[in-house]
Protein backbone atom coordinates (compact mmCIF):
# COMPACT_ATOMS: atom_id res chain seq x y z
CA MET A 1 107.67 144.73 129.43
CA SER A 2 104.61 143.22 127.77
CA LEU A 3 101.60 142.45 129.97
CA GLU A 4 98.68 140.19 129.18
CA ILE A 5 95.45 140.92 131.04
CA GLU A 6 92.95 138.19 130.29
CA HIS A 7 89.68 136.91 131.75
CA LYS A 8 88.68 133.32 130.99
CA TYR A 9 85.31 131.58 131.23
CA LEU A 10 83.78 128.20 130.60
CA VAL A 11 81.35 128.22 127.69
CA ARG A 12 77.88 127.08 128.68
CA ASN A 13 76.18 126.79 125.30
CA LEU A 14 76.86 126.97 121.57
CA SER A 15 75.07 130.28 120.95
CA PHE A 16 78.43 131.76 119.89
CA ILE A 17 78.38 129.74 116.63
CA ASP A 18 76.18 132.27 114.78
CA MET A 19 78.45 135.14 115.94
CA VAL A 20 81.78 133.70 114.69
CA SER A 21 83.66 135.99 112.27
CA HIS A 22 86.40 133.45 111.50
CA SER A 23 88.12 130.38 112.95
CA GLU A 24 91.61 128.89 113.03
CA THR A 25 93.15 125.57 114.05
CA ILE A 26 95.86 125.89 116.69
CA PHE A 27 98.49 123.37 117.75
CA GLN A 28 100.58 124.17 120.80
CA GLY A 29 103.22 122.44 122.83
CA TYR A 30 105.21 123.37 125.90
CA LEU A 31 108.99 123.42 126.15
CA SER A 32 108.78 124.48 129.81
CA ARG A 33 105.92 124.40 132.30
CA THR A 34 106.99 125.57 135.73
CA PRO A 35 105.13 127.67 138.30
CA ASP A 36 107.38 130.63 137.40
CA ARG A 37 107.28 130.49 133.61
CA VAL A 38 105.84 128.79 130.56
CA VAL A 39 107.56 128.54 127.17
CA ARG A 40 105.14 127.61 124.39
CA VAL A 41 105.40 126.81 120.69
CA ARG A 42 102.25 127.44 118.67
CA THR A 43 101.16 127.11 115.07
CA ILE A 44 98.11 128.81 113.65
CA GLY A 45 97.70 127.68 110.08
CA GLU A 46 100.96 128.57 108.32
CA ARG A 47 102.09 130.97 111.08
CA ALA A 48 104.23 129.98 114.08
CA TYR A 49 105.14 131.61 117.38
CA LEU A 50 107.35 131.15 120.41
CA THR A 51 105.79 132.58 123.56
CA ILE A 52 107.20 133.09 127.04
CA LYS A 53 104.77 133.79 129.89
CA GLY A 54 105.52 134.63 133.50
CA VAL A 55 103.64 133.70 136.64
CA ASN A 56 99.98 134.74 136.89
CA HIS A 57 99.05 137.50 139.31
CA GLY A 58 95.27 137.24 139.20
CA ASP A 59 94.33 138.10 135.61
CA THR A 60 97.73 139.58 134.68
CA ARG A 61 101.11 138.18 133.65
CA ILE A 62 104.17 139.07 131.63
CA GLU A 63 104.01 137.76 128.06
CA PHE A 64 106.46 137.90 125.17
CA GLU A 65 105.54 136.43 121.77
CA TYR A 66 107.78 136.11 118.72
CA SER A 67 107.08 134.96 115.16
CA ILE A 68 109.27 132.04 114.14
CA PRO A 69 109.57 130.01 110.92
CA LEU A 70 106.93 127.29 110.60
CA GLU A 71 109.61 124.62 110.06
CA ASP A 72 111.31 125.67 113.31
CA ALA A 73 108.02 125.27 115.16
CA LYS A 74 107.51 121.80 113.73
CA GLN A 75 110.98 120.79 114.93
CA LEU A 76 110.41 122.39 118.34
CA PHE A 77 107.23 120.31 118.75
CA THR A 78 109.49 117.23 118.93
CA LEU A 79 111.12 118.74 122.05
CA CYS A 80 107.82 119.61 123.73
CA GLN A 81 106.29 117.77 126.65
CA LYS A 82 103.47 115.56 125.41
CA PRO A 83 100.69 115.74 124.50
CA ILE A 84 100.52 118.51 121.90
CA LEU A 85 97.30 120.44 122.42
CA LYS A 86 94.90 120.98 119.50
CA LYS A 87 92.02 123.41 119.47
CA THR A 88 89.87 125.41 117.10
CA ARG A 89 89.74 129.09 117.95
CA HIS A 90 86.62 131.01 116.99
CA TYR A 91 86.63 134.80 117.00
CA VAL A 92 83.50 136.63 118.14
CA GLU A 93 82.76 140.36 118.49
CA PHE A 94 80.25 141.13 121.23
CA GLU A 95 79.26 144.70 122.08
CA GLY A 96 82.63 146.12 121.07
CA PHE A 97 84.83 143.42 122.62
CA LYS A 98 86.69 140.60 120.88
CA TRP A 99 86.21 137.14 122.40
CA GLU A 100 88.27 134.07 121.55
CA ILE A 101 86.38 130.80 121.97
CA ASP A 102 88.56 127.69 122.09
CA VAL A 103 87.00 124.32 121.27
CA TYR A 104 89.46 121.65 122.38
CA SER A 105 90.01 118.40 120.47
CA GLY A 106 91.12 114.92 121.38
CA TYR A 107 91.57 114.10 125.04
CA LEU A 108 90.25 117.56 126.06
CA SER A 109 86.95 117.31 124.19
CA PRO A 110 84.27 118.56 125.00
CA LEU A 111 86.02 121.46 126.84
CA ILE A 112 85.16 124.91 125.45
CA THR A 113 86.53 128.14 126.95
CA ALA A 114 86.11 131.83 126.14
CA GLU A 115 88.76 134.49 126.74
CA ILE A 116 88.78 138.25 126.55
CA GLU A 117 91.93 140.38 126.66
CA LEU A 118 91.55 143.71 128.39
CA PRO A 119 93.55 146.95 128.62
CA THR A 120 93.19 147.01 132.44
CA SER A 121 91.95 144.54 135.06
CA ASP A 122 89.02 146.76 135.97
CA THR A 123 87.76 147.41 132.42
CA PRO A 124 83.99 146.79 132.46
CA TYR A 125 82.62 144.54 129.73
CA PRO A 126 79.31 142.83 128.99
CA LEU A 127 79.08 139.04 129.20
CA PRO A 128 77.79 137.31 126.06
CA PRO A 129 75.01 134.70 126.45
CA PHE A 130 77.43 131.80 125.88
CA VAL A 131 79.68 132.70 128.82
CA GLY A 132 79.42 130.59 131.97
CA LYS A 133 81.61 130.23 135.06
CA ASN A 134 84.57 132.60 135.45
CA ILE A 135 87.76 130.48 135.59
CA THR A 136 90.27 133.35 135.50
CA GLY A 137 93.23 132.40 137.67
CA ASP A 138 92.13 128.77 138.10
CA PRO A 139 95.30 126.80 137.29
CA ARG A 140 93.25 123.73 136.31
CA TYR A 141 92.27 125.62 133.15
CA TYR A 142 95.68 127.03 132.16
CA ASN A 143 96.49 125.60 128.74
CA SER A 144 99.90 124.59 130.08
CA ASN A 145 98.15 122.38 132.66
CA LEU A 146 95.62 120.84 130.29
């Protein structure tokens, strides 16, 4: 079983910009969005993935992710519930931890969130200056609900 342990925050300022190591454009759509599971198709540049996620238990959930051909992902997008989400993901290292900052486009602009994946729920980590309110476990901010 594969577990994802993730904490998510709203971003309160753009101070992360000078810390970005690289960025990628992400498109993602949802084949299934139920309280028990989410099935997502995602492209990141020329790479594509199919991801299945279970129900959240606080900051933890089951997650399985598989590489798929880019052309398959493009076809699967036609089966996804609309709209297809678009965001730019910026990668930032802060005091030994990798943060992913998502800047949402289109109807979700100006939403910006920051996520950190952790080995355990109780792993201590420092908060960067751009991090605001903790929204971990708030279903309003699940990508599948946006």
